[in-house]
Amino acid sequence: IDLDLIGTSYALDAFGPVMARGGAGLVVSSQA
């Protein structure tokens, strides 16, 4: 929960504001 859920959410929060215009992000999740 801490790593795969909350840690991933922190990464989304942190990178959104620093992305270049037209940039792209990808979270590798799982069929789960």
Full PDB file with SEQRES, HELIX, SHEET, SSBOND, CRYST1, ORIGX, SCALE, CONECT and MASTER records, all heavy atoms in Angstrom:
SEQRES   1 A   32  ILE ASP LEU ASP LEU ILE GLY THR SER TYR ALA LEU ASP          
SEQRES   2 A   32  ALA PHE GLY PRO VAL MET ALA ARG GLY GLY ALA GLY LEU          
SEQRES   3 A   32  VAL VAL SER SER GLN ALA                                      
HELIX    1 AA1 ASP A    2  GLY A    7  3                                   6    
HELIX    2 AA2 THR A    8  PHE A   15  1                                   8    
HELIX    3 AA3 GLY A   16  VAL A   18  5                                   3    
CRYST1    1.000    1.000    1.000  90.00  90.00  90.00 P 1           1          
ORIGX1      1.000000  0.000000  0.000000        0.00000                         
ORIGX2      0.000000  1.000000  0.000000        0.00000                         
ORIGX3      0.000000  0.000000  1.000000        0.00000                         
SCALE1      1.000000  0.000000  0.000000        0.00000                         
SCALE2      0.000000  1.000000  0.000000        0.00000                         
SCALE3      0.000000  0.000000  1.000000        0.00000                         
ATOM      1  N   ILE A   1       0.840  -1.199   0.000  1.00  0.00           N  
ATOM      2  CA  ILE A   1       0.000   0.000   0.000  1.00  0.00           C  
ATOM      3  C   ILE A   1       0.875   1.249   0.000  1.00  0.00           C  
ATOM      4  O   ILE A   1       0.651   2.202  -0.766  1.00  0.00           O  
ATOM      5  CB  ILE A   1      -0.955   0.012   1.211  1.00  0.00           C  
ATOM      6  CG1 ILE A   1      -1.972  -1.128   1.119  1.00  0.00           C  
ATOM      7  CG2 ILE A   1      -1.650   1.364   1.333  1.00  0.00           C  
ATOM      8  CD1 ILE A   1      -2.930  -1.031  -0.044  1.00  0.00           C  
ATOM      9  N   ASP A   2       1.903   1.252   0.833  1.00  0.00           N  
ATOM     10  CA  ASP A   2       2.761   2.433   0.943  1.00  0.00           C  
ATOM     11  C   ASP A   2       3.549   2.693  -0.337  1.00  0.00           C  
ATOM     12  O   ASP A   2       3.697   3.844  -0.760  1.00  0.00           O  
ATOM     13  CB  ASP A   2       3.724   2.278   2.117  1.00  0.00           C  
ATOM     14  CG  ASP A   2       3.048   2.422   3.464  1.00  0.00           C  
ATOM     15  OD1 ASP A   2       1.926   2.947   3.509  1.00  0.00           O  
ATOM     16  OD2 ASP A   2       3.640   2.000   4.478  1.00  0.00           O  
ATOM     17  N   LEU A   3       4.086   1.644  -0.952  1.00  0.00           N  
ATOM     18  CA  LEU A   3       4.937   1.822  -2.129  1.00  0.00           C  
ATOM     19  C   LEU A   3       4.134   1.911  -3.418  1.00  0.00           C  
ATOM     20  O   LEU A   3       4.256   2.879  -4.176  1.00  0.00           O  
ATOM     21  CB  LEU A   3       5.947   0.672  -2.211  1.00  0.00           C  
ATOM     22  CG  LEU A   3       6.889   0.697  -3.414  1.00  0.00           C  
ATOM     23  CD1 LEU A   3       7.708   1.981  -3.432  1.00  0.00           C  
ATOM     24  CD2 LEU A   3       7.805  -0.528  -3.400  1.00  0.00           C  
ATOM     25  N   ASP A   4       3.317   0.899  -3.684  1.00  0.00           N  
ATOM     26  CA  ASP A   4       2.641   0.813  -4.974  1.00  0.00           C  
ATOM     27  C   ASP A   4       1.499   1.808  -5.112  1.00  0.00           C  
ATOM     28  O   ASP A   4       1.193   2.245  -6.236  1.00  0.00           O  
ATOM     29  CB  ASP A   4       2.098  -0.603  -5.197  1.00  0.00           C  
ATOM     30  CG  ASP A   4       3.200  -1.625  -5.380  1.00  0.00           C  
ATOM     31  OD1 ASP A   4       4.026  -1.768  -4.449  1.00  0.00           O  
ATOM     32  OD2 ASP A   4       3.259  -2.280  -6.430  1.00  0.00           O  
ATOM     33  N   LEU A   5       0.882   2.169  -4.000  1.00  0.00           N  
ATOM     34  CA  LEU A   5      -0.249   3.100  -4.052  1.00  0.00           C  
ATOM     35  C   LEU A   5       0.189   4.511  -3.653  1.00  0.00           C  
ATOM     36  O   LEU A   5       0.175   5.424  -4.480  1.00  0.00           O  
ATOM     37  CB  LEU A   5      -1.370   2.592  -3.141  1.00  0.00           C  
ATOM     38  CG  LEU A   5      -2.776   3.194  -3.338  1.00  0.00           C  
ATOM     39  CD1 LEU A   5      -3.821   2.378  -2.589  1.00  0.00           C  
ATOM     40  CD2 LEU A   5      -2.879   4.652  -2.933  1.00  0.00           C  
ATOM     41  N   ILE A   6       0.622   4.687  -2.416  1.00  0.00           N  
ATOM     42  CA  ILE A   6       0.932   6.030  -1.940  1.00  0.00           C  
ATOM     43  C   ILE A   6       2.201   6.567  -2.583  1.00  0.00           C  
ATOM     44  O   ILE A   6       2.255   7.736  -3.001  1.00  0.00           O  
ATOM     45  CB  ILE A   6       1.030   6.035  -0.403  1.00  0.00           C  
ATOM     46  CG1 ILE A   6      -0.325   5.626   0.203  1.00  0.00           C  
ATOM     47  CG2 ILE A   6       1.463   7.408   0.105  1.00  0.00           C  
ATOM     48  CD1 ILE A   6      -0.309   5.410   1.697  1.00  0.00           C  
ATOM     49  N   GLY A   7       3.226   5.744  -2.711  1.00  0.00           N  
ATOM     50  CA  GLY A   7       4.451   6.190  -3.357  1.00  0.00           C  
ATOM     51  C   GLY A   7       4.219   6.604  -4.797  1.00  0.00           C  
ATOM     52  O   GLY A   7       4.760   7.616  -5.276  1.00  0.00           O  
ATOM     53  N   THR A   8       3.404   5.832  -5.508  1.00  0.00           N  
ATOM     54  CA  THR A   8       3.078   6.191  -6.890  1.00  0.00           C  
ATOM     55  C   THR A   8       2.314   7.505  -6.942  1.00  0.00           C  
ATOM     56  O   THR A   8       2.539   8.339  -7.833  1.00  0.00           O  
ATOM     57  CB  THR A   8       2.261   5.073  -7.546  1.00  0.00           C  
ATOM     58  OG1 THR A   8       3.047   3.879  -7.580  1.00  0.00           O  
ATOM     59  CG2 THR A   8       1.855   5.442  -8.961  1.00  0.00           C  
ATOM     60  N   SER A   9       1.424   7.719  -5.987  1.00  0.00           N  
ATOM     61  CA  SER A   9       0.673   8.963  -5.951  1.00  0.00           C  
ATOM     62  C   SER A   9       1.590  10.159  -5.700  1.00  0.00           C  
ATOM     63  O   SER A   9       1.415  11.228  -6.311  1.00  0.00           O  
ATOM     64  CB  SER A   9      -0.418   8.893  -4.888  1.00  0.00           C  
ATOM     65  OG  SER A   9      -1.252  10.032  -4.942  1.00  0.00           O  
ATOM     66  N   TYR A  10       2.570   9.996  -4.829  1.00  0.00           N  
ATOM     67  CA  TYR A  10       3.544  11.071  -4.619  1.00  0.00           C  
ATOM     68  C   TYR A  10       4.287  11.386  -5.920  1.00  0.00           C  
ATOM     69  O   TYR A  10       4.548  12.550  -6.240  1.00  0.00           O  
ATOM     70  CB  TYR A  10       4.546  10.692  -3.535  1.00  0.00           C  
ATOM     71  CG  TYR A  10       4.042  10.900  -2.130  1.00  0.00           C  
ATOM     72  CD1 TYR A  10       4.235   9.925  -1.149  1.00  0.00           C  
ATOM     73  CD2 TYR A  10       3.394  12.079  -1.760  1.00  0.00           C  
ATOM     74  CE1 TYR A  10       3.781  10.112   0.152  1.00  0.00           C  
ATOM     75  CE2 TYR A  10       2.934  12.264  -0.463  1.00  0.00           C  
ATOM     76  CZ  TYR A  10       3.136  11.281   0.480  1.00  0.00           C  
ATOM     77  OH  TYR A  10       2.681  11.477   1.769  1.00  0.00           O  
ATOM     78  N   ALA A  11       4.637  10.352  -6.668  1.00  0.00           N  
ATOM     79  CA  ALA A  11       5.344  10.571  -7.931  1.00  0.00           C  
ATOM     80  C   ALA A  11       4.481  11.340  -8.923  1.00  0.00           C  
ATOM     81  O   ALA A  11       4.965  12.249  -9.623  1.00  0.00           O  
ATOM     82  CB  ALA A  11       5.784   9.234  -8.519  1.00  0.00           C  
ATOM     83  N   LEU A  12       3.205  11.006  -8.998  1.00  0.00           N  
ATOM     84  CA  LEU A  12       2.297  11.748  -9.868  1.00  0.00           C  
ATOM     85  C   LEU A  12       2.190  13.215  -9.434  1.00  0.00           C  
ATOM     86  O   LEU A  12       2.205  14.129 -10.267  1.00  0.00           O  
ATOM     87  CB  LEU A  12       0.907  11.109  -9.850  1.00  0.00           C  
ATOM     88  CG  LEU A  12       0.774   9.754 -10.532  1.00  0.00           C  
ATOM     89  CD1 LEU A  12      -0.571   9.118 -10.180  1.00  0.00           C  
ATOM     90  CD2 LEU A  12       0.915   9.885 -12.049  1.00  0.00           C  
ATOM     91  N   ASP A  13       2.098  13.439  -8.129  1.00  0.00           N  
ATOM     92  CA  ASP A  13       2.023  14.802  -7.602  1.00  0.00           C  
ATOM     93  C   ASP A  13       3.295  15.582  -7.919  1.00  0.00           C  
ATOM     94  O   ASP A  13       3.242  16.773  -8.269  1.00  0.00           O  
ATOM     95  CB  ASP A  13       1.820  14.779  -6.089  1.00  0.00           C  
ATOM     96  CG  ASP A  13       0.484  14.203  -5.652  1.00  0.00           C  
ATOM     97  OD1 ASP A  13      -0.420  14.071  -6.508  1.00  0.00           O  
ATOM     98  OD2 ASP A  13       0.354  13.875  -4.457  1.00  0.00           O  
ATOM     99  N   ALA A  14       4.441  14.918  -7.770  1.00  0.00           N  
ATOM    100  CA  ALA A  14       5.721  15.602  -7.925  1.00  0.00           C  
ATOM    101  C   ALA A  14       6.036  15.935  -9.373  1.00  0.00           C  
ATOM    102  O   ALA A  14       6.577  17.018  -9.669  1.00  0.00           O  
ATOM    103  CB  ALA A  14       6.842  14.740  -7.339  1.00  0.00           C  
ATOM    104  N   PHE A  15       5.688  15.044 -10.283  1.00  0.00           N  
ATOM    105  CA  PHE A  15       6.097  15.237 -11.676  1.00  0.00           C  
ATOM    106  C   PHE A  15       5.121  16.078 -12.487  1.00  0.00           C  
ATOM    107  O   PHE A  15       5.533  16.711 -13.467  1.00  0.00           O  
ATOM    108  CB  PHE A  15       6.353  13.892 -12.351  1.00  0.00           C  
ATOM    109  CG  PHE A  15       7.773  13.434 -12.202  1.00  0.00           C  
ATOM    110  CD1 PHE A  15       8.160  12.692 -11.103  1.00  0.00           C  
ATOM    111  CD2 PHE A  15       8.728  13.764 -13.144  1.00  0.00           C  
ATOM    112  CE1 PHE A  15       9.473  12.294 -10.931  1.00  0.00           C  
ATOM    113  CE2 PHE A  15      10.049  13.376 -12.991  1.00  0.00           C  
ATOM    114  CZ  PHE A  15      10.427  12.631 -11.885  1.00  0.00           C  
ATOM    115  N   GLY A  16       3.844  16.104 -12.123  1.00  0.00           N  
ATOM    116  CA  GLY A  16       2.899  16.899 -12.892  1.00  0.00           C  
ATOM    117  C   GLY A  16       3.371  18.328 -13.136  1.00  0.00           C  
ATOM    118  O   GLY A  16       3.420  18.803 -14.283  1.00  0.00           O  
ATOM    119  N   PRO A  17       3.769  19.057 -12.086  1.00  0.00           N  
ATOM    120  CA  PRO A  17       4.159  20.459 -12.278  1.00  0.00           C  
ATOM    121  C   PRO A  17       5.468  20.671 -13.031  1.00  0.00           C  
ATOM    122  O   PRO A  17       5.718  21.780 -13.520  1.00  0.00           O  
ATOM    123  CB  PRO A  17       4.291  20.976 -10.835  1.00  0.00           C  
ATOM    124  CG  PRO A  17       3.470  20.049 -10.007  1.00  0.00           C  
ATOM    125  CD  PRO A  17       3.639  18.713 -10.657  1.00  0.00           C  
ATOM    126  N   VAL A  18       6.338  19.645 -13.121  1.00  0.00           N  
ATOM    127  CA  VAL A  18       7.639  19.843 -13.767  1.00  0.00           C  
ATOM    128  C   VAL A  18       7.673  19.329 -15.195  1.00  0.00           C  
ATOM    129  O   VAL A  18       8.682  19.491 -15.887  1.00  0.00           O  
ATOM    130  CB  VAL A  18       8.787  19.182 -12.962  1.00  0.00           C  
ATOM    131  CG1 VAL A  18       8.781  19.672 -11.520  1.00  0.00           C  
ATOM    132  CG2 VAL A  18       8.730  17.662 -13.015  1.00  0.00           C  
ATOM    133  N   MET A  19       6.580  18.729 -15.661  1.00  0.00           N  
ATOM    134  CA  MET A  19       6.580  18.186 -17.013  1.00  0.00           C  
ATOM    135  C   MET A  19       6.595  19.295 -18.051  1.00  0.00           C  
ATOM    136  O   MET A  19       5.973  20.350 -17.873  1.00  0.00           O  
ATOM    137  CB  MET A  19       5.355  17.306 -17.240  1.00  0.00           C  
ATOM    138  CG  MET A  19       5.320  16.038 -16.401  1.00  0.00           C  
ATOM    139  SD  MET A  19       6.708  14.911 -16.708  1.00  0.00           S  
ATOM    140  CE  MET A  19       6.414  14.454 -18.418  1.00  0.00           C  
ATOM    141  N   ALA A  20       7.304  19.063 -19.142  1.00  0.00           N  
ATOM    142  CA  ALA A  20       7.305  19.999 -20.259  1.00  0.00           C  
ATOM    143  C   ALA A  20       5.950  19.973 -20.965  1.00  0.00           C  
ATOM    144  O   ALA A  20       5.252  18.950 -20.956  1.00  0.00           O  
ATOM    145  CB  ALA A  20       8.412  19.631 -21.242  1.00  0.00           C  
ATOM    146  N   ARG A  21       5.594  21.072 -21.568  1.00  0.00           N  
ATOM    147  CA  ARG A  21       4.365  21.122 -22.350  1.00  0.00           C  
ATOM    148  C   ARG A  21       4.435  20.059 -23.451  1.00  0.00           C  
ATOM    149  O   ARG A  21       5.419  19.971 -24.192  1.00  0.00           O  
ATOM    150  CB  ARG A  21       4.186  22.503 -22.969  1.00  0.00           C  
ATOM    151  CG  ARG A  21       2.849  22.708 -23.670  1.00  0.00           C  
ATOM    152  CD  ARG A  21       2.781  24.109 -24.282  1.00  0.00           C  
ATOM    153  NE  ARG A  21       1.488  24.347 -24.902  1.00  0.00           N  
ATOM    154  CZ  ARG A  21       0.465  24.945 -24.313  1.00  0.00           C  
ATOM    155  NH1 ARG A  21       0.585  25.363 -23.068  1.00  0.00           N  
ATOM    156  NH2 ARG A  21      -0.679  25.130 -24.944  1.00  0.00           N  
ATOM    157  N   GLY A  22       3.409  19.237 -23.533  1.00  0.00           N  
ATOM    158  CA  GLY A  22       3.409  18.151 -24.505  1.00  0.00           C  
ATOM    159  C   GLY A  22       4.122  16.899 -24.043  1.00  0.00           C  
ATOM    160  O   GLY A  22       4.185  15.917 -24.779  1.00  0.00           O  
ATOM    161  N   GLY A  23       4.655  16.925 -22.811  1.00  0.00           N  
ATOM    162  CA  GLY A  23       5.328  15.746 -22.273  1.00  0.00           C  
ATOM    163  C   GLY A  23       4.336  14.660 -21.901  1.00  0.00           C  
ATOM    164  O   GLY A  23       3.116  14.860 -21.921  1.00  0.00           O  
ATOM    165  N   ALA A  24       4.882  13.495 -21.545  1.00  0.00           N  
ATOM    166  CA  ALA A  24       4.013  12.353 -21.255  1.00  0.00           C  
ATOM    167  C   ALA A  24       4.583  11.522 -20.118  1.00  0.00           C  
ATOM    168  O   ALA A  24       5.801  11.311 -20.029  1.00  0.00           O  
ATOM    169  CB  ALA A  24       3.842  11.482 -22.495  1.00  0.00           C  
ATOM    170  N   GLY A  25       3.695  11.047 -19.264  1.00  0.00           N  
ATOM    171  CA  GLY A  25       4.061  10.167 -18.167  1.00  0.00           C  
ATOM    172  C   GLY A  25       3.362   8.836 -18.288  1.00  0.00           C  
ATOM    173  O   GLY A  25       2.319   8.710 -18.947  1.00  0.00           O  
ATOM    174  N   LEU A  26       3.938   7.844 -17.649  1.00  0.00           N  
ATOM    175  CA  LEU A  26       3.379   6.502 -17.686  1.00  0.00           C  
ATOM    176  C   LEU A  26       3.650   5.796 -16.370  1.00  0.00           C  
ATOM    177  O   LEU A  26       4.801   5.721 -15.922  1.00  0.00           O  
ATOM    178  CB  LEU A  26       4.005   5.697 -18.830  1.00  0.00           C  
ATOM    179  CG  LEU A  26       3.365   4.336 -19.125  1.00  0.00           C  
ATOM    180  CD1 LEU A  26       1.988   4.511 -19.761  1.00  0.00           C  
ATOM    181  CD2 LEU A  26       4.257   3.509 -20.034  1.00  0.00           C  
ATOM    182  N   VAL A  27       2.593   5.290 -15.753  1.00  0.00           N  
ATOM    183  CA  VAL A  27       2.726   4.440 -14.574  1.00  0.00           C  
ATOM    184  C   VAL A  27       2.513   2.997 -15.012  1.00  0.00           C  
ATOM    185  O   VAL A  27       1.488   2.673 -15.623  1.00  0.00           O  
ATOM    186  CB  VAL A  27       1.690   4.826 -13.496  1.00  0.00           C  
ATOM    187  CG1 VAL A  27       1.695   3.800 -12.364  1.00  0.00           C  
ATOM    188  CG2 VAL A  27       1.984   6.222 -12.962  1.00  0.00           C  
ATOM    189  N   VAL A  28       3.484   2.146 -14.718  1.00  0.00           N  
ATOM    190  CA  VAL A  28       3.337   0.729 -15.036  1.00  0.00           C  
ATOM    191  C   VAL A  28       2.594   0.087 -13.878  1.00  0.00           C  
ATOM    192  O   VAL A  28       3.142  -0.116 -12.792  1.00  0.00           O  
ATOM    193  CB  VAL A  28       4.702   0.059 -15.273  1.00  0.00           C  
ATOM    194  CG1 VAL A  28       4.512  -1.429 -15.563  1.00  0.00           C  
ATOM    195  CG2 VAL A  28       5.409   0.731 -16.453  1.00  0.00           C  
ATOM    196  N   SER A  29       1.327  -0.197 -14.098  1.00  0.00           N  
ATOM    197  CA  SER A  29       0.457  -0.795 -13.097  1.00  0.00           C  
ATOM    198  C   SER A  29       0.472  -2.319 -13.286  1.00  0.00           C  
ATOM    199  O   SER A  29       1.534  -2.907 -13.433  1.00  0.00           O  
ATOM    200  CB  SER A  29      -0.950  -0.211 -13.209  1.00  0.00           C  
ATOM    201  OG  SER A  29      -1.790  -0.681 -12.181  1.00  0.00           O  
ATOM    202  N   SER A  30      -0.679  -2.954 -13.307  1.00  0.00           N  
ATOM    203  CA  SER A  30      -0.741  -4.409 -13.424  1.00  0.00           C  
ATOM    204  C   SER A  30      -2.151  -4.839 -13.791  1.00  0.00           C  
ATOM    205  O   SER A  30      -3.130  -4.137 -13.474  1.00  0.00           O  
ATOM    206  CB  SER A  30      -0.356  -5.063 -12.091  1.00  0.00           C  
ATOM    207  OG  SER A  30      -0.688  -6.446 -12.076  1.00  0.00           O  
ATOM    208  N   GLN A  31      -2.233  -6.006 -14.417  1.00  0.00           N  
ATOM    209  CA  GLN A  31      -3.547  -6.606 -14.662  1.00  0.00           C  
ATOM    210  C   GLN A  31      -4.323  -6.787 -13.361  1.00  0.00           C  
ATOM    211  O   GLN A  31      -5.561  -6.851 -13.374  1.00  0.00           O  
ATOM    212  CB  GLN A  31      -3.385  -7.958 -15.350  1.00  0.00           C  
ATOM    213  CG  GLN A  31      -2.703  -9.016 -14.496  1.00  0.00           C  
ATOM    214  CD  GLN A  31      -2.604 -10.370 -15.182  1.00  0.00           C  
ATOM    215  OE1 GLN A  31      -3.012 -10.530 -16.319  1.00  0.00           O  
ATOM    216  NE2 GLN A  31      -2.066 -11.340 -14.475  1.00  0.00           N  
ATOM    217  N   ALA A  32      -3.631  -6.844 -12.238  1.00  0.00           N  
ATOM    218  CA  ALA A  32      -4.312  -6.978 -10.942  1.00  0.00           C  
ATOM    219  C   ALA A  32      -5.283  -5.838 -10.693  1.00  0.00           C  
ATOM    220  O   ALA A  32      -6.273  -6.001  -9.970  1.00  0.00           O  
ATOM    221  CB  ALA A  32      -3.290  -7.048  -9.806  1.00  0.00           C  
TER     222      ALA A  32                                                      
MASTER        0    0    0    3    0    0    0    6  221    1    0    3          
END                                                                             
